[in-house]
Amino acid sequence: APVIDGVEGTPATLPESLAGDARAVKLVGN
């Protein structure tokens, strides 16, 4: 199942439940 169920290339909000979970969400860019 997707970690974040959204359309790639579109705006997305980081779910609060995943904030700070580097294993689940990798922040890239600026």
Full PDB file with SEQRES, HELIX, SHEET, SSBOND, CRYST1, ORIGX, SCALE, CONECT and MASTER records, all heavy atoms in Angstrom:
SEQRES   1 A   30  ALA PRO VAL ILE ASP GLY VAL GLU GLY THR PRO ALA THR          
SEQRES   2 A   30  LEU PRO GLU SER LEU ALA GLY ASP ALA ARG ALA VAL LYS          
SEQRES   3 A   30  LEU VAL GLY ASN                                              
HELIX    1 AA1 GLU A   16  LEU A   18  5                                   3    
CRYST1    1.000    1.000    1.000  90.00  90.00  90.00 P 1           1          
ORIGX1      1.000000  0.000000  0.000000        0.00000                         
ORIGX2      0.000000  1.000000  0.000000        0.00000                         
ORIGX3      0.000000  0.000000  1.000000        0.00000                         
SCALE1      1.000000  0.000000  0.000000        0.00000                         
SCALE2      0.000000  1.000000  0.000000        0.00000                         
SCALE3      0.000000  0.000000  1.000000        0.00000                         
ATOM      1  N   ALA A   1       0.863  -1.180   0.000  1.00  0.00           N  
ATOM      2  CA  ALA A   1       0.000   0.000   0.000  1.00  0.00           C  
ATOM      3  C   ALA A   1       0.899   1.228   0.000  1.00  0.00           C  
ATOM      4  O   ALA A   1       2.008   1.186   0.539  1.00  0.00           O  
ATOM      5  CB  ALA A   1      -0.899   0.012   1.228  1.00  0.00           C  
ATOM      6  N   PRO A   2       0.443   2.328  -0.593  1.00  0.00           N  
ATOM      7  CA  PRO A   2       1.264   3.538  -0.583  1.00  0.00           C  
ATOM      8  C   PRO A   2       1.397   4.100   0.833  1.00  0.00           C  
ATOM      9  O   PRO A   2       0.475   3.991   1.634  1.00  0.00           O  
ATOM     10  CB  PRO A   2       0.500   4.506  -1.488  1.00  0.00           C  
ATOM     11  CG  PRO A   2      -0.857   3.947  -1.649  1.00  0.00           C  
ATOM     12  CD  PRO A   2      -0.811   2.496  -1.319  1.00  0.00           C  
ATOM     13  N   VAL A   3       2.552   4.699   1.132  1.00  0.00           N  
ATOM     14  CA  VAL A   3       2.751   5.377   2.408  1.00  0.00           C  
ATOM     15  C   VAL A   3       1.870   6.620   2.437  1.00  0.00           C  
ATOM     16  O   VAL A   3       1.178   6.887   3.420  1.00  0.00           O  
ATOM     17  CB  VAL A   3       4.236   5.748   2.617  1.00  0.00           C  
ATOM     18  CG1 VAL A   3       4.426   6.594   3.870  1.00  0.00           C  
ATOM     19  CG2 VAL A   3       5.092   4.487   2.689  1.00  0.00           C  
ATOM     20  N   ILE A   4       1.890   7.376   1.350  1.00  0.00           N  
ATOM     21  CA  ILE A   4       1.002   8.533   1.180  1.00  0.00           C  
ATOM     22  C   ILE A   4       0.203   8.271  -0.091  1.00  0.00           C  
ATOM     23  O   ILE A   4       0.768   8.182  -1.180  1.00  0.00           O  
ATOM     24  CB  ILE A   4       1.783   9.859   1.062  1.00  0.00           C  
ATOM     25  CG1 ILE A   4       2.545  10.141   2.354  1.00  0.00           C  
ATOM     26  CG2 ILE A   4       0.834  11.011   0.730  1.00  0.00           C  
ATOM     27  CD1 ILE A   4       3.415  11.388   2.316  1.00  0.00           C  
ATOM     28  N   ASP A   5      -1.095   8.124   0.064  1.00  0.00           N  
ATOM     29  CA  ASP A   5      -1.944   7.811  -1.080  1.00  0.00           C  
ATOM     30  C   ASP A   5      -2.339   9.105  -1.780  1.00  0.00           C  
ATOM     31  O   ASP A   5      -3.309   9.758  -1.418  1.00  0.00           O  
ATOM     32  CB  ASP A   5      -3.187   7.039  -0.632  1.00  0.00           C  
ATOM     33  CG  ASP A   5      -3.895   6.375  -1.791  1.00  0.00           C  
ATOM     34  OD1 ASP A   5      -3.360   6.405  -2.917  1.00  0.00           O  
ATOM     35  OD2 ASP A   5      -4.983   5.825  -1.576  1.00  0.00           O  
ATOM     36  N   GLY A   6      -1.507   9.489  -2.765  1.00  0.00           N  
ATOM     37  CA  GLY A   6      -1.754  10.709  -3.502  1.00  0.00           C  
ATOM     38  C   GLY A   6      -1.219  10.579  -4.912  1.00  0.00           C  
ATOM     39  O   GLY A   6      -0.644   9.548  -5.273  1.00  0.00           O  
ATOM     40  N   VAL A   7      -1.413  11.611  -5.687  1.00  0.00           N  
ATOM     41  CA  VAL A   7      -0.957  11.620  -7.076  1.00  0.00           C  
ATOM     42  C   VAL A   7       0.425  12.264  -7.127  1.00  0.00           C  
ATOM     43  O   VAL A   7       0.594  13.416  -6.684  1.00  0.00           O  
ATOM     44  CB  VAL A   7      -1.945  12.385  -7.984  1.00  0.00           C  
ATOM     45  CG1 VAL A   7      -1.443  12.434  -9.416  1.00  0.00           C  
ATOM     46  CG2 VAL A   7      -3.330  11.742  -7.921  1.00  0.00           C  
ATOM     47  N   GLU A   8       1.397  11.517  -7.621  1.00  0.00           N  
ATOM     48  CA  GLU A   8       2.755  12.047  -7.709  1.00  0.00           C  
ATOM     49  C   GLU A   8       2.782  13.267  -8.618  1.00  0.00           C  
ATOM     50  O   GLU A   8       2.111  13.308  -9.647  1.00  0.00           O  
ATOM     51  CB  GLU A   8       3.707  10.957  -8.194  1.00  0.00           C  
ATOM     52  CG  GLU A   8       3.868   9.852  -7.155  1.00  0.00           C  
ATOM     53  CD  GLU A   8       4.672   8.649  -7.630  1.00  0.00           C  
ATOM     54  OE1 GLU A   8       5.088   8.630  -8.805  1.00  0.00           O  
ATOM     55  OE2 GLU A   8       4.869   7.731  -6.818  1.00  0.00           O  
ATOM     56  N   GLY A   9       3.547  14.290  -8.204  1.00  0.00           N  
ATOM     57  CA  GLY A   9       3.654  15.532  -8.969  1.00  0.00           C  
ATOM     58  C   GLY A   9       2.634  16.572  -8.561  1.00  0.00           C  
ATOM     59  O   GLY A   9       2.596  17.662  -9.138  1.00  0.00           O  
ATOM     60  N   THR A  10       1.809  16.265  -7.566  1.00  0.00           N  
ATOM     61  CA  THR A  10       0.799  17.227  -7.104  1.00  0.00           C  
ATOM     62  C   THR A  10       1.129  17.650  -5.669  1.00  0.00           C  
ATOM     63  O   THR A  10       1.852  16.969  -4.956  1.00  0.00           O  
ATOM     64  CB  THR A  10      -0.626  16.624  -7.150  1.00  0.00           C  
ATOM     65  OG1 THR A  10      -0.698  15.527  -6.241  1.00  0.00           O  
ATOM     66  CG2 THR A  10      -0.977  16.169  -8.556  1.00  0.00           C  
ATOM     67  N   PRO A  11       0.559  18.801  -5.223  1.00  0.00           N  
ATOM     68  CA  PRO A  11       0.791  19.249  -3.850  1.00  0.00           C  
ATOM     69  C   PRO A  11       0.303  18.206  -2.846  1.00  0.00           C  
ATOM     70  O   PRO A  11      -0.714  17.549  -3.048  1.00  0.00           O  
ATOM     71  CB  PRO A  11      -0.034  20.538  -3.741  1.00  0.00           C  
ATOM     72  CG  PRO A  11      -0.169  21.009  -5.150  1.00  0.00           C  
ATOM     73  CD  PRO A  11      -0.245  19.761  -5.994  1.00  0.00           C  
ATOM     74  N   ALA A  12       1.055  18.065  -1.765  1.00  0.00           N  
ATOM     75  CA  ALA A  12       0.702  17.110  -0.716  1.00  0.00           C  
ATOM     76  C   ALA A  12       1.045  17.694   0.644  1.00  0.00           C  
ATOM     77  O   ALA A  12       2.034  18.412   0.791  1.00  0.00           O  
ATOM     78  CB  ALA A  12       1.450  15.798  -0.927  1.00  0.00           C  
ATOM     79  N   THR A  13       0.229  17.382   1.612  1.00  0.00           N  
ATOM     80  CA  THR A  13       0.466  17.777   2.989  1.00  0.00           C  
ATOM     81  C   THR A  13       1.025  16.571   3.723  1.00  0.00           C  
ATOM     82  O   THR A  13       0.509  15.460   3.577  1.00  0.00           O  
ATOM     83  CB  THR A  13      -0.848  18.242   3.652  1.00  0.00           C  
ATOM     84  OG1 THR A  13      -1.368  19.324   2.894  1.00  0.00           O  
ATOM     85  CG2 THR A  13      -0.622  18.678   5.077  1.00  0.00           C  
ATOM     86  N   LEU A  14       2.058  16.778   4.509  1.00  0.00           N  
ATOM     87  CA  LEU A  14       2.659  15.706   5.292  1.00  0.00           C  
ATOM     88  C   LEU A  14       1.689  15.318   6.399  1.00  0.00           C  
ATOM     89  O   LEU A  14       1.354  16.135   7.244  1.00  0.00           O  
ATOM     90  CB  LEU A  14       3.993  16.170   5.879  1.00  0.00           C  
ATOM     91  CG  LEU A  14       4.744  15.184   6.760  1.00  0.00           C  
ATOM     92  CD1 LEU A  14       5.145  13.944   5.958  1.00  0.00           C  
ATOM     93  CD2 LEU A  14       5.971  15.837   7.352  1.00  0.00           C  
ATOM     94  N   PRO A  15       1.210  14.079   6.376  1.00  0.00           N  
ATOM     95  CA  PRO A  15       0.294  13.657   7.446  1.00  0.00           C  
ATOM     96  C   PRO A  15       0.973  13.769   8.812  1.00  0.00           C  
ATOM     97  O   PRO A  15       2.144  13.427   8.964  1.00  0.00           O  
ATOM     98  CB  PRO A  15      -0.007  12.190   7.113  1.00  0.00           C  
ATOM     99  CG  PRO A  15       0.329  12.043   5.667  1.00  0.00           C  
ATOM    100  CD  PRO A  15       1.440  13.020   5.396  1.00  0.00           C  
ATOM    101  N   GLU A  16       0.246  14.271   9.786  1.00  0.00           N  
ATOM    102  CA  GLU A  16       0.798  14.466  11.123  1.00  0.00           C  
ATOM    103  C   GLU A  16       1.336  13.154  11.695  1.00  0.00           C  
ATOM    104  O   GLU A  16       2.353  13.135  12.386  1.00  0.00           O  
ATOM    105  CB  GLU A  16      -0.282  15.041  12.045  1.00  0.00           C  
ATOM    106  CG  GLU A  16       0.276  15.867  13.171  1.00  0.00           C  
ATOM    107  CD  GLU A  16      -0.820  16.584  13.923  1.00  0.00           C  
ATOM    108  OE1 GLU A  16      -1.456  17.469  13.334  1.00  0.00           O  
ATOM    109  OE2 GLU A  16      -1.014  16.239  15.106  1.00  0.00           O  
ATOM    110  N   SER A  17       0.669  12.064  11.364  1.00  0.00           N  
ATOM    111  CA  SER A  17       1.091  10.753  11.893  1.00  0.00           C  
ATOM    112  C   SER A  17       2.459  10.325  11.359  1.00  0.00           C  
ATOM    113  O   SER A  17       3.106   9.465  11.949  1.00  0.00           O  
ATOM    114  CB  SER A  17       0.043   9.691  11.552  1.00  0.00           C  
ATOM    115  OG  SER A  17      -0.081   9.560  10.143  1.00  0.00           O  
ATOM    116  N   LEU A  18       2.894  10.908  10.244  1.00  0.00           N  
ATOM    117  CA  LEU A  18       4.182  10.542   9.646  1.00  0.00           C  
ATOM    118  C   LEU A  18       5.265  11.594   9.853  1.00  0.00           C  
ATOM    119  O   LEU A  18       6.414  11.380   9.482  1.00  0.00           O  
ATOM    120  CB  LEU A  18       4.006  10.286   8.148  1.00  0.00           C  
ATOM    121  CG  LEU A  18       3.072   9.135   7.758  1.00  0.00           C  
ATOM    122  CD1 LEU A  18       2.916   9.060   6.252  1.00  0.00           C  
ATOM    123  CD2 LEU A  18       3.563   7.819   8.319  1.00  0.00           C  
ATOM    124  N   ALA A  19       4.911  12.731  10.436  1.00  0.00           N  
ATOM    125  CA  ALA A  19       5.884  13.808  10.654  1.00  0.00           C  
ATOM    126  C   ALA A  19       7.034  13.295  11.518  1.00  0.00           C  
ATOM    127  O   ALA A  19       6.822  12.688  12.557  1.00  0.00           O  
ATOM    128  CB  ALA A  19       5.215  15.000  11.314  1.00  0.00           C  
ATOM    129  N   GLY A  20       8.241  13.507  11.049  1.00  0.00           N  
ATOM    130  CA  GLY A  20       9.428  13.091  11.789  1.00  0.00           C  
ATOM    131  C   GLY A  20       9.793  11.622  11.622  1.00  0.00           C  
ATOM    132  O   GLY A  20      10.775  11.166  12.184  1.00  0.00           O  
ATOM    133  N   ASP A  21       9.017  10.873  10.860  1.00  0.00           N  
ATOM    134  CA  ASP A  21       9.316   9.454  10.632  1.00  0.00           C  
ATOM    135  C   ASP A  21      10.141   9.332   9.352  1.00  0.00           C  
ATOM    136  O   ASP A  21       9.609   9.181   8.263  1.00  0.00           O  
ATOM    137  CB  ASP A  21       8.026   8.642  10.523  1.00  0.00           C  
ATOM    138  CG  ASP A  21       8.273   7.149  10.440  1.00  0.00           C  
ATOM    139  OD1 ASP A  21       9.437   6.719  10.277  1.00  0.00           O  
ATOM    140  OD2 ASP A  21       7.282   6.388  10.524  1.00  0.00           O  
ATOM    141  N   ALA A  22      11.471   9.403   9.503  1.00  0.00           N  
ATOM    142  CA  ALA A  22      12.372   9.386   8.344  1.00  0.00           C  
ATOM    143  C   ALA A  22      12.329   8.056   7.597  1.00  0.00           C  
ATOM    144  O   ALA A  22      12.723   7.989   6.440  1.00  0.00           O  
ATOM    145  CB  ALA A  22      13.793   9.703   8.787  1.00  0.00           C  
ATOM    146  N   ARG A  23      11.868   7.001   8.231  1.00  0.00           N  
ATOM    147  CA  ARG A  23      11.746   5.713   7.529  1.00  0.00           C  
ATOM    148  C   ARG A  23      10.537   5.715   6.596  1.00  0.00           C  
ATOM    149  O   ARG A  23      10.523   5.014   5.601  1.00  0.00           O  
ATOM    150  CB  ARG A  23      11.637   4.575   8.532  1.00  0.00           C  
ATOM    151  CG  ARG A  23      12.934   4.325   9.273  1.00  0.00           C  
ATOM    152  CD  ARG A  23      12.762   3.237  10.295  1.00  0.00           C  
ATOM    153  NE  ARG A  23      11.947   2.143   9.771  1.00  0.00           N  
ATOM    154  CZ  ARG A  23      12.232   0.862   9.920  1.00  0.00           C  
ATOM    155  NH1 ARG A  23      13.312   0.514  10.582  1.00  0.00           N  
ATOM    156  NH2 ARG A  23      11.448  -0.066   9.438  1.00  0.00           N  
ATOM    157  N   ALA A  24       9.515   6.506   6.940  1.00  0.00           N  
ATOM    158  CA  ALA A  24       8.288   6.522   6.143  1.00  0.00           C  
ATOM    159  C   ALA A  24       8.270   7.654   5.124  1.00  0.00           C  
ATOM    160  O   ALA A  24       7.717   7.501   4.039  1.00  0.00           O  
ATOM    161  CB  ALA A  24       7.062   6.630   7.051  1.00  0.00           C  
ATOM    162  N   VAL A  25       8.857   8.790   5.472  1.00  0.00           N  
ATOM    163  CA  VAL A  25       8.835   9.960   4.595  1.00  0.00           C  
ATOM    164  C   VAL A  25      10.234  10.557   4.519  1.00  0.00           C  
ATOM    165  O   VAL A  25      10.832  10.887   5.545  1.00  0.00           O  
ATOM    166  CB  VAL A  25       7.836  11.035   5.094  1.00  0.00           C  
ATOM    167  CG1 VAL A  25       7.876  12.259   4.193  1.00  0.00           C  
ATOM    168  CG2 VAL A  25       6.427  10.471   5.160  1.00  0.00           C  
ATOM    169  N   LYS A  26      10.729  10.707   3.310  1.00  0.00           N  
ATOM    170  CA  LYS A  26      12.027  11.338   3.074  1.00  0.00           C  
ATOM    171  C   LYS A  26      11.770  12.721   2.490  1.00  0.00           C  
ATOM    172  O   LYS A  26      11.175  12.852   1.420  1.00  0.00           O  
ATOM    173  CB  LYS A  26      12.833  10.480   2.092  1.00  0.00           C  
ATOM    174  CG  LYS A  26      14.167  11.045   1.726  1.00  0.00           C  
ATOM    175  CD  LYS A  26      14.851  10.119   0.724  1.00  0.00           C  
ATOM    176  CE  LYS A  26      16.155  10.667   0.232  1.00  0.00           C  
ATOM    177  NZ  LYS A  26      16.770   9.779  -0.763  1.00  0.00           N  
ATOM    178  N   LEU A  27      12.190  13.739   3.206  1.00  0.00           N  
ATOM    179  CA  LEU A  27      12.037  15.102   2.707  1.00  0.00           C  
ATOM    180  C   LEU A  27      13.212  15.418   1.788  1.00  0.00           C  
ATOM    181  O   LEU A  27      14.364  15.191   2.154  1.00  0.00           O  
ATOM    182  CB  LEU A  27      11.991  16.094   3.877  1.00  0.00           C  
ATOM    183  CG  LEU A  27      10.845  15.875   4.876  1.00  0.00           C  
ATOM    184  CD1 LEU A  27      10.976  16.868   6.039  1.00  0.00           C  
ATOM    185  CD2 LEU A  27       9.488  16.004   4.200  1.00  0.00           C  
ATOM    186  N   VAL A  28      12.927  15.927   0.588  1.00  0.00           N  
ATOM    187  CA  VAL A  28      13.961  16.259  -0.385  1.00  0.00           C  
ATOM    188  C   VAL A  28      13.757  17.685  -0.875  1.00  0.00           C  
ATOM    189  O   VAL A  28      12.700  18.272  -0.694  1.00  0.00           O  
ATOM    190  CB  VAL A  28      13.943  15.272  -1.591  1.00  0.00           C  
ATOM    191  CG1 VAL A  28      14.273  13.862  -1.140  1.00  0.00           C  
ATOM    192  CG2 VAL A  28      12.604  15.287  -2.311  1.00  0.00           C  
ATOM    193  N   GLY A  29      14.767  18.238  -1.504  1.00  0.00           N  
ATOM    194  CA  GLY A  29      14.663  19.601  -2.038  1.00  0.00           C  
ATOM    195  C   GLY A  29      15.133  20.615  -1.017  1.00  0.00           C  
ATOM    196  O   GLY A  29      16.108  20.396  -0.309  1.00  0.00           O  
ATOM    197  N   ASN A  30      14.421  21.715  -0.909  1.00  0.00           N  
ATOM    198  CA  ASN A  30      14.788  22.819  -0.004  1.00  0.00           C  
ATOM    199  C   ASN A  30      14.218  22.566   1.392  1.00  0.00           C  
ATOM    200  O   ASN A  30      13.335  23.281   1.865  1.00  0.00           O  
ATOM    201  CB  ASN A  30      14.285  24.155  -0.562  1.00  0.00           C  
ATOM    202  CG  ASN A  30      14.960  24.492  -1.868  1.00  0.00           C  
ATOM    203  OD1 ASN A  30      16.178  24.341  -1.993  1.00  0.00           O  
ATOM    204  ND2 ASN A  30      14.189  24.921  -2.842  1.00  0.00           N  
TER     205      ASN A  30                                                      
MASTER        0    0    0    1    0    0    0    6  204    1    0    3          
END                                                                             
